[in-house]
Amino acid sequence: MARPRVRLVITADDFGYCPRRDEGIVEAFLAGAVTSVSLLVNGVAAESAAELAGRHQIPTGLHANLSEGRPVGPARHGASSLLSPEGFFLGKMGFREAVAAGDIALPQVREELEAQLIRFRELLGGEPTHVDGHQHVHVLPGVCQVFAETLQANGVRFTRLPVERGVGGCAWLEAPAHAFACAVERDARAAVGPFSRYGLRWTDAFVGLSTCGRHMSAHRVSGALARALEGIPTGHALTAELMAHPGYPSVPPAGGCGEGPDAFSCSWERLHELRVLTAPTLRARLAQDGVQLCTLHDLDSKRPGEGVLGEATLETFLEPSPP
């Protein structure tokens, strides 16, 4: 039976985090295994990463960061609800807890996002192809509204919607990773409204919550895409994004966003993703599944109505994941 046609963007996150990470990302891009990158403008290697992006003509977006390292906006000059007393962002879970408690001043979120967009333009000399969120902060309640407003005001059209169908049933995820993935997906579903109201666009399907780090394999990437295709009419042109974190492991103290590299960055899991992405097995599996790699520019230049889900199909796509 014929399957829906899939055009897949593979985005490497955390570009600019450290030179060794960036080396692996560029290697993956030159091998045709990555088609887009998301740049951390507060990463310690942001300037050299921007130079690499220009040299190799890598489609580059902004990885908006509100949770790790030091800010680039006005917050760096004084007290801010975004920061700890030491002047760093509150961390992956700390920021989420502060948002939930109502302790984050959303105007300060806007200021930081604006500052990061300005810094991106300074580094790259142009506009980002997309803006997504480091550790998925962009879909958090309240933050997603400010994020969408800021992107619209700056002419950015593409973002990421991290809704991965069936992620709740991925038994191989350890309890903390499973809980985090499910929380991200719930937040992302709620962010559809604000994102839509401000005219943002995203791929029809997303994969990456269930295939991060040690969990990435050709089989699991293919399986996640297959889950995304369930209920999609045969012959329909579907767009999808695979979130990836390839690279060579960081060696402390090099790397990070002002606090040094985190444990995930220093682990073998980054290298594992690089190896899976560049291995012939994944390429062959994607080709067998009828998946064509592309960039966001390719999706933006498609004819009106091509590959865009209708309301009925979109409702099928956004059905709740199994618990």
C-alpha atoms as a PDB file:
ATOM      1  CA  MET A   1       0.000   0.000   0.000  1.00  0.00           C
ATOM      2  CA  ALA A   2       1.284   3.464  -0.890  1.00  0.00           C
ATOM      3  CA  ARG A   3       2.168   5.685   2.046  1.00  0.00           C
ATOM      4  CA  PRO A   4       1.745   9.450   2.348  1.00  0.00           C
ATOM      5  CA  ARG A   5       4.670  11.365   0.853  1.00  0.00           C
ATOM      6  CA  VAL A   6       6.902  12.866   3.521  1.00  0.00           C
ATOM      7  CA  ARG A   7       9.298  15.775   3.282  1.00  0.00           C
ATOM      8  CA  LEU A   8      11.520  15.787   6.350  1.00  0.00           C
ATOM      9  CA  VAL A   9      13.545  18.606   7.882  1.00  0.00           C
ATOM     10  CA  ILE A  10      16.294  17.315  10.198  1.00  0.00           C
ATOM     11  CA  THR A  11      17.286  20.067  12.615  1.00  0.00           C
ATOM     12  CA  ALA A  12      20.415  19.927  14.749  1.00  0.00           C
ATOM     13  CA  ASP A  13      19.838  21.853  17.971  1.00  0.00           C
ATOM     14  CA  ASP A  14      22.380  23.672  20.174  1.00  0.00           C
ATOM     15  CA  PHE A  15      24.656  24.980  17.412  1.00  0.00           C
ATOM     16  CA  GLY A  16      27.125  27.323  19.116  1.00  0.00           C
ATOM     17  CA  TYR A  17      27.190  25.361  22.404  1.00  0.00           C
ATOM     18  CA  CYS A  18      30.811  24.298  21.994  1.00  0.00           C
ATOM     19  CA  PRO A  19      33.338  23.834  19.180  1.00  0.00           C
ATOM     20  CA  ARG A  20      33.238  20.035  19.397  1.00  0.00           C
ATOM     21  CA  ARG A  21      29.463  20.005  19.166  1.00  0.00           C
ATOM     22  CA  ASP A  22      29.623  22.332  16.182  1.00  0.00           C
ATOM     23  CA  GLU A  23      32.247  20.176  14.477  1.00  0.00           C
ATOM     24  CA  GLY A  24      29.894  17.198  14.600  1.00  0.00           C
ATOM     25  CA  ILE A  25      26.901  19.231  13.415  1.00  0.00           C
ATOM     26  CA  VAL A  26      28.819  20.561  10.416  1.00  0.00           C
ATOM     27  CA  GLU A  27      30.033  17.038   9.647  1.00  0.00           C
ATOM     28  CA  ALA A  28      26.420  15.837   9.656  1.00  0.00           C
ATOM     29  CA  PHE A  29      25.291  18.717   7.444  1.00  0.00           C
ATOM     30  CA  LEU A  30      28.051  18.142   4.893  1.00  0.00           C
ATOM     31  CA  ALA A  31      27.116  14.440   4.835  1.00  0.00           C
ATOM     32  CA  GLY A  32      23.526  15.384   4.019  1.00  0.00           C
ATOM     33  CA  ALA A  33      22.277  13.970   7.332  1.00  0.00           C
ATOM     34  CA  VAL A  34      21.157  17.327   8.781  1.00  0.00           C
ATOM     35  CA  THR A  35      19.319  19.985   6.760  1.00  0.00           C
ATOM     36  CA  SER A  36      18.969  22.804   9.307  1.00  0.00           C
ATOM     37  CA  VAL A  37      20.505  24.054  12.548  1.00  0.00           C
ATOM     38  CA  SER A  38      19.276  26.072  15.528  1.00  0.00           C
ATOM     39  CA  LEU A  39      21.824  28.504  16.990  1.00  0.00           C
ATOM     40  CA  LEU A  40      22.234  29.362  20.672  1.00  0.00           C
ATOM     41  CA  VAL A  41      23.348  32.983  20.487  1.00  0.00           C
ATOM     42  CA  ASN A  42      24.425  32.886  24.145  1.00  0.00           C
ATOM     43  CA  GLY A  43      26.528  29.789  23.534  1.00  0.00           C
ATOM     44  CA  VAL A  44      30.237  30.222  24.131  1.00  0.00           C
ATOM     45  CA  ALA A  45      30.956  29.187  20.525  1.00  0.00           C
ATOM     46  CA  ALA A  46      28.184  31.255  18.904  1.00  0.00           C
ATOM     47  CA  GLU A  47      30.572  33.464  16.913  1.00  0.00           C
ATOM     48  CA  SER A  48      32.568  30.596  15.428  1.00  0.00           C
ATOM     49  CA  ALA A  49      29.350  28.683  14.757  1.00  0.00           C
ATOM     50  CA  ALA A  50      27.957  31.654  12.846  1.00  0.00           C
ATOM     51  CA  GLU A  51      31.132  31.732  10.766  1.00  0.00           C
ATOM     52  CA  LEU A  52      30.741  28.026   9.999  1.00  0.00           C
ATOM     53  CA  ALA A  53      27.101  28.543   9.019  1.00  0.00           C
ATOM     54  CA  GLY A  54      28.094  31.258   6.589  1.00  0.00           C
ATOM     55  CA  ARG A  55      31.037  29.347   5.160  1.00  0.00           C
ATOM     56  CA  HIS A  56      28.991  26.206   4.492  1.00  0.00           C
ATOM     57  CA  GLN A  57      25.690  27.977   3.735  1.00  0.00           C
ATOM     58  CA  ILE A  58      23.832  26.113   6.469  1.00  0.00           C
ATOM     59  CA  PRO A  59      20.159  27.108   6.908  1.00  0.00           C
ATOM     60  CA  THR A  60      20.184  28.534  10.430  1.00  0.00           C
ATOM     61  CA  GLY A  61      17.468  29.453  12.887  1.00  0.00           C
ATOM     62  CA  LEU A  62      17.481  30.807  16.428  1.00  0.00           C
ATOM     63  CA  HIS A  63      17.350  28.386  19.371  1.00  0.00           C
ATOM     64  CA  ALA A  64      15.702  30.812  21.805  1.00  0.00           C
ATOM     65  CA  ASN A  65      17.178  30.189  25.235  1.00  0.00           C
ATOM     66  CA  LEU A  66      15.493  31.215  28.487  1.00  0.00           C
ATOM     67  CA  SER A  67      16.706  28.376  30.676  1.00  0.00           C
ATOM     68  CA  GLU A  68      20.474  27.836  30.439  1.00  0.00           C
ATOM     69  CA  GLY A  69      23.444  30.107  30.974  1.00  0.00           C
ATOM     70  CA  ARG A  70      23.587  33.897  30.829  1.00  0.00           C
ATOM     71  CA  PRO A  71      21.135  36.222  29.061  1.00  0.00           C
ATOM     72  CA  VAL A  72      22.080  38.531  26.206  1.00  0.00           C
ATOM     73  CA  GLY A  73      19.382  41.166  26.877  1.00  0.00           C
ATOM     74  CA  PRO A  74      18.816  43.830  29.550  1.00  0.00           C
ATOM     75  CA  ALA A  75      18.524  41.168  32.257  1.00  0.00           C
ATOM     76  CA  ARG A  76      22.304  40.789  32.251  1.00  0.00           C
ATOM     77  CA  HIS A  77      22.651  44.271  33.785  1.00  0.00           C
ATOM     78  CA  GLY A  78      20.571  43.685  36.887  1.00  0.00           C
ATOM     79  CA  ALA A  79      17.935  41.738  38.784  1.00  0.00           C
ATOM     80  CA  SER A  80      15.428  39.845  36.660  1.00  0.00           C
ATOM     81  CA  SER A  81      12.700  37.259  37.215  1.00  0.00           C
ATOM     82  CA  LEU A  82      14.499  35.161  34.573  1.00  0.00           C
ATOM     83  CA  LEU A  83      17.679  34.845  36.608  1.00  0.00           C
ATOM     84  CA  SER A  84      19.108  33.315  39.755  1.00  0.00           C
ATOM     85  CA  PRO A  85      20.951  35.540  42.250  1.00  0.00           C
ATOM     86  CA  GLU A  86      24.157  34.447  40.486  1.00  0.00           C
ATOM     87  CA  GLY A  87      22.953  35.938  37.187  1.00  0.00           C
ATOM     88  CA  PHE A  88      22.166  32.710  35.335  1.00  0.00           C
ATOM     89  CA  PHE A  89      18.917  31.459  33.841  1.00  0.00           C
ATOM     90  CA  LEU A  90      16.935  29.240  36.202  1.00  0.00           C
ATOM     91  CA  GLY A  91      17.555  25.913  34.458  1.00  0.00           C
ATOM     92  CA  LYS A  92      15.429  23.459  32.503  1.00  0.00           C
ATOM     93  CA  MET A  93      13.084  22.603  35.372  1.00  0.00           C
ATOM     94  CA  GLY A  94      13.643  25.742  37.441  1.00  0.00           C
ATOM     95  CA  PHE A  95      12.293  27.959  34.667  1.00  0.00           C
ATOM     96  CA  ARG A  96       9.251  25.711  34.261  1.00  0.00           C
ATOM     97  CA  GLU A  97       8.568  25.838  37.989  1.00  0.00           C
ATOM     98  CA  ALA A  98       8.880  29.624  38.013  1.00  0.00           C
ATOM     99  CA  VAL A  99       6.474  29.934  35.064  1.00  0.00           C
ATOM    100  CA  ALA A 100       3.964  27.642  36.795  1.00  0.00           C
ATOM    101  CA  ALA A 101       4.218  29.685  39.995  1.00  0.00           C
ATOM    102  CA  GLY A 102       3.611  32.945  38.126  1.00  0.00           C
ATOM    103  CA  ASP A 103       7.044  34.243  39.094  1.00  0.00           C
ATOM    104  CA  ILE A 104       8.218  35.086  35.555  1.00  0.00           C
ATOM    105  CA  ALA A 105       7.618  38.628  34.293  1.00  0.00           C
ATOM    106  CA  LEU A 106       6.535  38.098  30.687  1.00  0.00           C
ATOM    107  CA  PRO A 107       7.721  41.553  29.530  1.00  0.00           C
ATOM    108  CA  GLN A 108      11.213  40.406  30.519  1.00  0.00           C
ATOM    109  CA  VAL A 109      10.731  37.301  28.373  1.00  0.00           C
ATOM    110  CA  ARG A 110       9.901  39.575  25.440  1.00  0.00           C
ATOM    111  CA  GLU A 111      12.991  41.719  26.064  1.00  0.00           C
ATOM    112  CA  GLU A 112      15.259  38.675  26.092  1.00  0.00           C
ATOM    113  CA  LEU A 113      13.717  37.208  22.937  1.00  0.00           C
ATOM    114  CA  GLU A 114      14.122  40.552  21.149  1.00  0.00           C
ATOM    115  CA  ALA A 115      17.746  40.773  22.285  1.00  0.00           C
ATOM    116  CA  GLN A 116      18.491  37.265  21.043  1.00  0.00           C
ATOM    117  CA  LEU A 117      16.979  38.065  17.642  1.00  0.00           C
ATOM    118  CA  ILE A 118      19.135  41.183  17.439  1.00  0.00           C
ATOM    119  CA  ARG A 119      22.224  39.170  18.397  1.00  0.00           C
ATOM    120  CA  PHE A 120      21.350  36.557  15.767  1.00  0.00           C
ATOM    121  CA  ARG A 121      21.250  39.241  13.067  1.00  0.00           C
ATOM    122  CA  GLU A 122      24.593  40.623  14.261  1.00  0.00           C
ATOM    123  CA  LEU A 123      26.192  37.183  14.046  1.00  0.00           C
ATOM    124  CA  LEU A 124      24.628  35.925  10.813  1.00  0.00           C
ATOM    125  CA  GLY A 125      23.974  39.164   8.944  1.00  0.00           C
ATOM    126  CA  GLY A 126      20.421  38.100   8.159  1.00  0.00           C
ATOM    127  CA  GLU A 127      17.154  36.754   9.481  1.00  0.00           C
ATOM    128  CA  PRO A 128      16.683  33.303  11.060  1.00  0.00           C
ATOM    129  CA  THR A 129      15.002  30.633   8.952  1.00  0.00           C
ATOM    130  CA  HIS A 130      12.976  29.745  12.055  1.00  0.00           C
ATOM    131  CA  VAL A 131      12.893  30.242  15.816  1.00  0.00           C
ATOM    132  CA  ASP A 132      12.329  27.359  18.225  1.00  0.00           C
ATOM    133  CA  GLY A 133      13.004  26.987  21.943  1.00  0.00           C
ATOM    134  CA  HIS A 134      15.923  25.494  23.840  1.00  0.00           C
ATOM    135  CA  GLN A 135      14.461  22.778  26.082  1.00  0.00           C
ATOM    136  CA  HIS A 136      11.072  23.630  24.521  1.00  0.00           C
ATOM    137  CA  VAL A 137      10.591  26.767  26.630  1.00  0.00           C
ATOM    138  CA  HIS A 138       8.686  28.416  23.760  1.00  0.00           C
ATOM    139  CA  VAL A 139       5.548  26.310  24.300  1.00  0.00           C
ATOM    140  CA  LEU A 140       5.167  26.971  28.039  1.00  0.00           C
ATOM    141  CA  PRO A 141       1.913  28.647  29.141  1.00  0.00           C
ATOM    142  CA  GLY A 142       2.139  32.419  28.873  1.00  0.00           C
ATOM    143  CA  VAL A 143       5.589  32.246  27.314  1.00  0.00           C
ATOM    144  CA  CYS A 144       4.095  30.858  24.086  1.00  0.00           C
ATOM    145  CA  GLN A 145       1.898  33.942  23.700  1.00  0.00           C
ATOM    146  CA  VAL A 146       4.825  36.343  24.098  1.00  0.00           C
ATOM    147  CA  PHE A 147       6.942  34.133  21.840  1.00  0.00           C
ATOM    148  CA  ALA A 148       4.330  34.175  19.056  1.00  0.00           C
ATOM    149  CA  GLU A 149       3.828  37.946  19.338  1.00  0.00           C
ATOM    150  CA  THR A 150       7.576  38.563  19.178  1.00  0.00           C
ATOM    151  CA  LEU A 151       8.083  36.324  16.161  1.00  0.00           C
ATOM    152  CA  GLN A 152       5.237  37.972  14.266  1.00  0.00           C
ATOM    153  CA  ALA A 153       6.587  41.438  15.078  1.00  0.00           C
ATOM    154  CA  ASN A 154       9.988  40.397  13.714  1.00  0.00           C
ATOM    155  CA  GLY A 155       8.704  38.768  10.539  1.00  0.00           C
ATOM    156  CA  VAL A 156       9.595  35.205  11.558  1.00  0.00           C
ATOM    157  CA  ARG A 157       7.138  32.669  10.134  1.00  0.00           C
ATOM    158  CA  PHE A 158       8.417  29.216  11.099  1.00  0.00           C
ATOM    159  CA  THR A 159       8.667  27.623  14.522  1.00  0.00           C
ATOM    160  CA  ARG A 160       8.598  24.131  16.009  1.00  0.00           C
ATOM    161  CA  LEU A 161       5.535  22.454  17.487  1.00  0.00           C
ATOM    162  CA  PRO A 162       6.884  19.517  19.553  1.00  0.00           C
ATOM    163  CA  VAL A 163       3.794  17.300  19.382  1.00  0.00           C
ATOM    164  CA  GLU A 164       4.975  13.743  18.748  1.00  0.00           C
ATOM    165  CA  ARG A 165       2.128  11.305  18.248  1.00  0.00           C
ATOM    166  CA  GLY A 166       2.337   8.250  20.477  1.00  0.00           C
ATOM    167  CA  VAL A 167       5.180   9.490  22.663  1.00  0.00           C
ATOM    168  CA  GLY A 168       3.189   8.537  25.755  1.00  0.00           C
ATOM    169  CA  GLY A 169       3.423   4.881  24.739  1.00  0.00           C
ATOM    170  CA  CYS A 170       7.209   4.841  24.250  1.00  0.00           C
ATOM    171  CA  ALA A 171       8.106   2.381  27.020  1.00  0.00           C
ATOM    172  CA  TRP A 172      11.865   2.657  26.419  1.00  0.00           C
ATOM    173  CA  LEU A 173      11.950   6.199  27.851  1.00  0.00           C
ATOM    174  CA  GLU A 174      13.107   6.358  31.452  1.00  0.00           C
ATOM    175  CA  ALA A 175      10.524   7.796  33.873  1.00  0.00           C
ATOM    176  CA  PRO A 176      11.952  11.358  34.018  1.00  0.00           C
ATOM    177  CA  ALA A 177      12.380  11.546  30.236  1.00  0.00           C
ATOM    178  CA  HIS A 178       8.900  10.096  29.694  1.00  0.00           C
ATOM    179  CA  ALA A 179       7.319  12.600  32.096  1.00  0.00           C
ATOM    180  CA  PHE A 180       9.179  15.506  30.483  1.00  0.00           C
ATOM    181  CA  ALA A 181       8.216  14.423  26.944  1.00  0.00           C
ATOM    182  CA  CYS A 182       4.550  14.126  27.887  1.00  0.00           C
ATOM    183  CA  ALA A 183       4.617  17.528  29.608  1.00  0.00           C
ATOM    184  CA  VAL A 184       6.228  19.149  26.565  1.00  0.00           C
ATOM    185  CA  GLU A 185       3.611  17.603  24.296  1.00  0.00           C
ATOM    186  CA  ARG A 186       0.744  18.835  26.503  1.00  0.00           C
ATOM    187  CA  ASP A 187       2.170  22.355  26.493  1.00  0.00           C
ATOM    188  CA  ALA A 188       2.700  22.233  22.730  1.00  0.00           C
ATOM    189  CA  ARG A 189      -0.910  21.254  22.087  1.00  0.00           C
ATOM    190  CA  ALA A 190      -2.050  24.239  24.155  1.00  0.00           C
ATOM    191  CA  ALA A 191       0.330  26.522  22.221  1.00  0.00           C
ATOM    192  CA  VAL A 192      -1.400  25.772  18.900  1.00  0.00           C
ATOM    193  CA  GLY A 193      -3.949  28.532  19.554  1.00  0.00           C
ATOM    194  CA  PRO A 194      -1.488  31.389  20.185  1.00  0.00           C
ATOM    195  CA  PHE A 195       0.835  30.203  17.430  1.00  0.00           C
ATOM    196  CA  SER A 196      -2.041  30.097  14.937  1.00  0.00           C
ATOM    197  CA  ARG A 197      -3.430  33.495  15.943  1.00  0.00           C
ATOM    198  CA  TYR A 198      -0.096  35.139  15.194  1.00  0.00           C
ATOM    199  CA  GLY A 199       0.344  33.398  11.851  1.00  0.00           C
ATOM    200  CA  LEU A 200       3.185  31.068  12.772  1.00  0.00           C
ATOM    201  CA  ARG A 201       3.805  27.933  10.721  1.00  0.00           C
ATOM    202  CA  TRP A 202       5.307  24.578  11.616  1.00  0.00           C
ATOM    203  CA  THR A 203       5.685  21.181  10.032  1.00  0.00           C
ATOM    204  CA  ASP A 204       2.675  18.878  10.006  1.00  0.00           C
ATOM    205  CA  ALA A 205       4.452  16.329  12.197  1.00  0.00           C
ATOM    206  CA  PHE A 206       7.300  16.344  14.701  1.00  0.00           C
ATOM    207  CA  VAL A 207       9.655  13.591  15.859  1.00  0.00           C
ATOM    208  CA  GLY A 208      12.415  13.749  18.443  1.00  0.00           C
ATOM    209  CA  LEU A 209      11.047  13.459  21.977  1.00  0.00           C
ATOM    210  CA  SER A 210      11.215   9.652  21.777  1.00  0.00           C
ATOM    211  CA  THR A 211      14.496   9.461  19.834  1.00  0.00           C
ATOM    212  CA  CYS A 212      16.763  11.736  21.856  1.00  0.00           C
ATOM    213  CA  GLY A 213      20.298  10.687  22.742  1.00  0.00           C
ATOM    214  CA  ARG A 214      20.735   6.971  23.469  1.00  0.00           C
ATOM    215  CA  HIS A 215      17.205   6.302  22.257  1.00  0.00           C
ATOM    216  CA  MET A 216      17.901   7.277  18.650  1.00  0.00           C
ATOM    217  CA  SER A 217      18.001   4.471  16.091  1.00  0.00           C
ATOM    218  CA  ALA A 218      16.915   4.076  12.491  1.00  0.00           C
ATOM    219  CA  HIS A 219      14.128   1.788  13.661  1.00  0.00           C
ATOM    220  CA  ARG A 220      12.771   4.262  16.213  1.00  0.00           C
ATOM    221  CA  VAL A 221      12.964   7.258  13.862  1.00  0.00           C
ATOM    222  CA  SER A 222      11.089   5.266  11.223  1.00  0.00           C
ATOM    223  CA  GLY A 223       8.560   4.099  13.817  1.00  0.00           C
ATOM    224  CA  ALA A 224       7.951   7.633  15.079  1.00  0.00           C
ATOM    225  CA  LEU A 225       7.346   8.846  11.541  1.00  0.00           C
ATOM    226  CA  ALA A 226       4.990   5.916  10.952  1.00  0.00           C
ATOM    227  CA  ARG A 227       2.972   6.921  14.024  1.00  0.00           C
ATOM    228  CA  ALA A 228       2.750  10.451  12.665  1.00  0.00           C
ATOM    229  CA  LEU A 229       1.334   9.084   9.403  1.00  0.00           C
ATOM    230  CA  GLU A 230      -1.476   7.102  11.000  1.00  0.00           C
ATOM    231  CA  GLY A 231      -4.791   8.332   9.659  1.00  0.00           C
ATOM    232  CA  ILE A 232      -3.202  10.499   6.959  1.00  0.00           C
ATOM    233  CA  PRO A 233      -4.721   9.837   3.505  1.00  0.00           C
ATOM    234  CA  THR A 234      -2.581   7.820   1.129  1.00  0.00           C
ATOM    235  CA  GLY A 235      -0.802  10.067  -1.337  1.00  0.00           C
ATOM    236  CA  HIS A 236      -1.042  13.128   0.891  1.00  0.00           C
ATOM    237  CA  ALA A 237       2.103  15.245   1.061  1.00  0.00           C
ATOM    238  CA  LEU A 238       3.132  15.490   4.711  1.00  0.00           C
ATOM    239  CA  THR A 239       5.877  17.684   6.170  1.00  0.00           C
ATOM    240  CA  ALA A 240       7.793  16.616   9.274  1.00  0.00           C
ATOM    241  CA  GLU A 241      10.699  17.689  11.460  1.00  0.00           C
ATOM    242  CA  LEU A 242      13.182  15.432  13.223  1.00  0.00           C
ATOM    243  CA  MET A 243      14.844  17.169  16.182  1.00  0.00           C
ATOM    244  CA  ALA A 244      18.413  15.966  16.659  1.00  0.00           C
ATOM    245  CA  HIS A 245      21.382  16.706  18.929  1.00  0.00           C
ATOM    246  CA  PRO A 246      24.464  15.391  17.099  1.00  0.00           C
ATOM    247  CA  GLY A 247      28.019  16.332  17.919  1.00  0.00           C
ATOM    248  CA  TYR A 248      31.256  15.267  19.543  1.00  0.00           C
ATOM    249  CA  PRO A 249      31.129  15.246  23.361  1.00  0.00           C
ATOM    250  CA  SER A 250      32.105  18.453  25.127  1.00  0.00           C
ATOM    251  CA  VAL A 251      35.261  18.386  27.225  1.00  0.00           C
ATOM    252  CA  PRO A 252      34.944  20.665  30.271  1.00  0.00           C
ATOM    253  CA  PRO A 253      35.444  23.489  30.810  1.00  0.00           C
ATOM    254  CA  ALA A 254      34.871  24.250  27.104  1.00  0.00           C
ATOM    255  CA  GLY A 255      31.250  24.646  26.081  1.00  0.00           C
ATOM    256  CA  GLY A 256      27.936  25.741  27.473  1.00  0.00           C
ATOM    257  CA  CYS A 257      26.228  29.107  27.702  1.00  0.00           C
ATOM    258  CA  GLY A 258      28.313  30.635  30.466  1.00  0.00           C
ATOM    259  CA  GLU A 259      28.170  27.903  33.126  1.00  0.00           C
ATOM    260  CA  GLY A 260      30.178  25.204  31.365  1.00  0.00           C
ATOM    261  CA  PRO A 261      28.800  22.186  29.484  1.00  0.00           C
ATOM    262  CA  ASP A 262      26.017  20.054  30.962  1.00  0.00           C
ATOM    263  CA  ALA A 263      26.158  16.285  31.468  1.00  0.00           C
ATOM    264  CA  PHE A 264      24.233  15.469  28.274  1.00  0.00           C
ATOM    265  CA  SER A 265      26.681  17.546  26.245  1.00  0.00           C
ATOM    266  CA  CYS A 266      29.642  15.686  27.732  1.00  0.00           C
ATOM    267  CA  SER A 267      28.116  12.227  27.273  1.00  0.00           C
ATOM    268  CA  TRP A 268      28.512   9.683  24.482  1.00  0.00           C
ATOM    269  CA  GLU A 269      24.871  10.237  23.523  1.00  0.00           C
ATOM    270  CA  ARG A 270      25.666  13.188  21.284  1.00  0.00           C
ATOM    271  CA  LEU A 271      28.164  11.087  19.357  1.00  0.00           C
ATOM    272  CA  HIS A 272      25.624   8.261  19.183  1.00  0.00           C
ATOM    273  CA  GLU A 273      23.138  10.563  17.465  1.00  0.00           C
ATOM    274  CA  LEU A 274      25.821  11.719  15.031  1.00  0.00           C
ATOM    275  CA  ARG A 275      26.635   8.124  14.136  1.00  0.00           C
ATOM    276  CA  VAL A 276      22.980   7.145  13.654  1.00  0.00           C
ATOM    277  CA  LEU A 277      22.247  10.183  11.492  1.00  0.00           C
ATOM    278  CA  THR A 278      25.236   9.683   9.204  1.00  0.00           C
ATOM    279  CA  ALA A 279      25.040   5.890   8.944  1.00  0.00           C
ATOM    280  CA  PRO A 280      23.711   4.300   5.713  1.00  0.00           C
ATOM    281  CA  THR A 281      21.050   2.409   7.718  1.00  0.00           C
ATOM    282  CA  LEU A 282      18.949   5.479   8.476  1.00  0.00           C
ATOM    283  CA  ARG A 283      19.304   6.842   4.954  1.00  0.00           C
ATOM    284  CA  ALA A 284      18.180   3.539   3.489  1.00  0.00           C
ATOM    285  CA  ARG A 285      15.257   3.247   5.885  1.00  0.00           C
ATOM    286  CA  LEU A 286      14.043   6.761   5.118  1.00  0.00           C
ATOM    287  CA  ALA A 287      14.317   6.155   1.386  1.00  0.00           C
ATOM    288  CA  GLN A 288      12.420   2.889   1.771  1.00  0.00           C
ATOM    289  CA  ASP A 289       9.702   4.778   3.652  1.00  0.00           C
ATOM    290  CA  GLY A 290       9.444   7.347   0.859  1.00  0.00           C
ATOM    291  CA  VAL A 291      10.921  10.178   2.941  1.00  0.00           C
ATOM    292  CA  GLN A 292      12.632  13.065   1.153  1.00  0.00           C
ATOM    293  CA  LEU A 293      14.965  15.341   3.124  1.00  0.00           C
ATOM    294  CA  CYS A 294      14.454  19.071   2.673  1.00  0.00           C
ATOM    295  CA  THR A 295      14.912  22.485   4.291  1.00  0.00           C
ATOM    296  CA  LEU A 296      12.347  24.910   5.687  1.00  0.00           C
ATOM    297  CA  HIS A 297      13.020  27.074   2.626  1.00  0.00           C
ATOM    298  CA  ASP A 298      11.829  24.177   0.460  1.00  0.00           C
ATOM    299  CA  LEU A 299       8.615  24.022   2.479  1.00  0.00           C
ATOM    300  CA  ASP A 300       8.159  27.790   2.348  1.00  0.00           C
ATOM    301  CA  SER A 301       8.451  27.797  -1.439  1.00  0.00           C
ATOM    302  CA  LYS A 302       5.824  25.100  -2.009  1.00  0.00           C
ATOM    303  CA  ARG A 303       2.712  25.984  -3.958  1.00  0.00           C
ATOM    304  CA  PRO A 304      -0.305  27.259  -1.987  1.00  0.00           C
ATOM    305  CA  GLY A 305      -2.194  24.338  -0.464  1.00  0.00           C
ATOM    306  CA  GLU A 306       0.526  21.786  -1.203  1.00  0.00           C
ATOM    307  CA  GLY A 307       1.236  19.566   1.770  1.00  0.00           C
ATOM    308  CA  VAL A 308      -0.981  21.519   4.133  1.00  0.00           C
ATOM    309  CA  LEU A 309      -3.227  19.462   6.382  1.00  0.00           C
ATOM    310  CA  GLY A 310      -6.965  20.114   6.239  1.00  0.00           C
ATOM    311  CA  GLU A 311      -8.948  20.567   9.444  1.00  0.00           C
ATOM    312  CA  ALA A 312     -10.162  16.958   9.608  1.00  0.00           C
ATOM    313  CA  THR A 313      -6.684  15.591   9.097  1.00  0.00           C
ATOM    314  CA  LEU A 314      -5.202  18.083  11.567  1.00  0.00           C
ATOM    315  CA  GLU A 315      -7.653  16.877  14.199  1.00  0.00           C
ATOM    316  CA  THR A 316      -6.480  13.312  13.565  1.00  0.00           C
ATOM    317  CA  PHE A 317      -2.865  14.439  13.890  1.00  0.00           C
ATOM    318  CA  LEU A 318      -3.562  16.187  17.206  1.00  0.00           C
ATOM    319  CA  GLU A 319      -5.409  13.288  18.794  1.00  0.00           C
ATOM    320  CA  PRO A 320      -4.138  12.688  22.362  1.00  0.00           C
ATOM    321  CA  SER A 321      -1.218  10.316  22.641  1.00  0.00           C
ATOM    322  CA  PRO A 322      -1.740   7.034  24.486  1.00  0.00           C
ATOM    323  CA  PRO A 323      -0.931   7.326  28.215  1.00  0.00           C
END
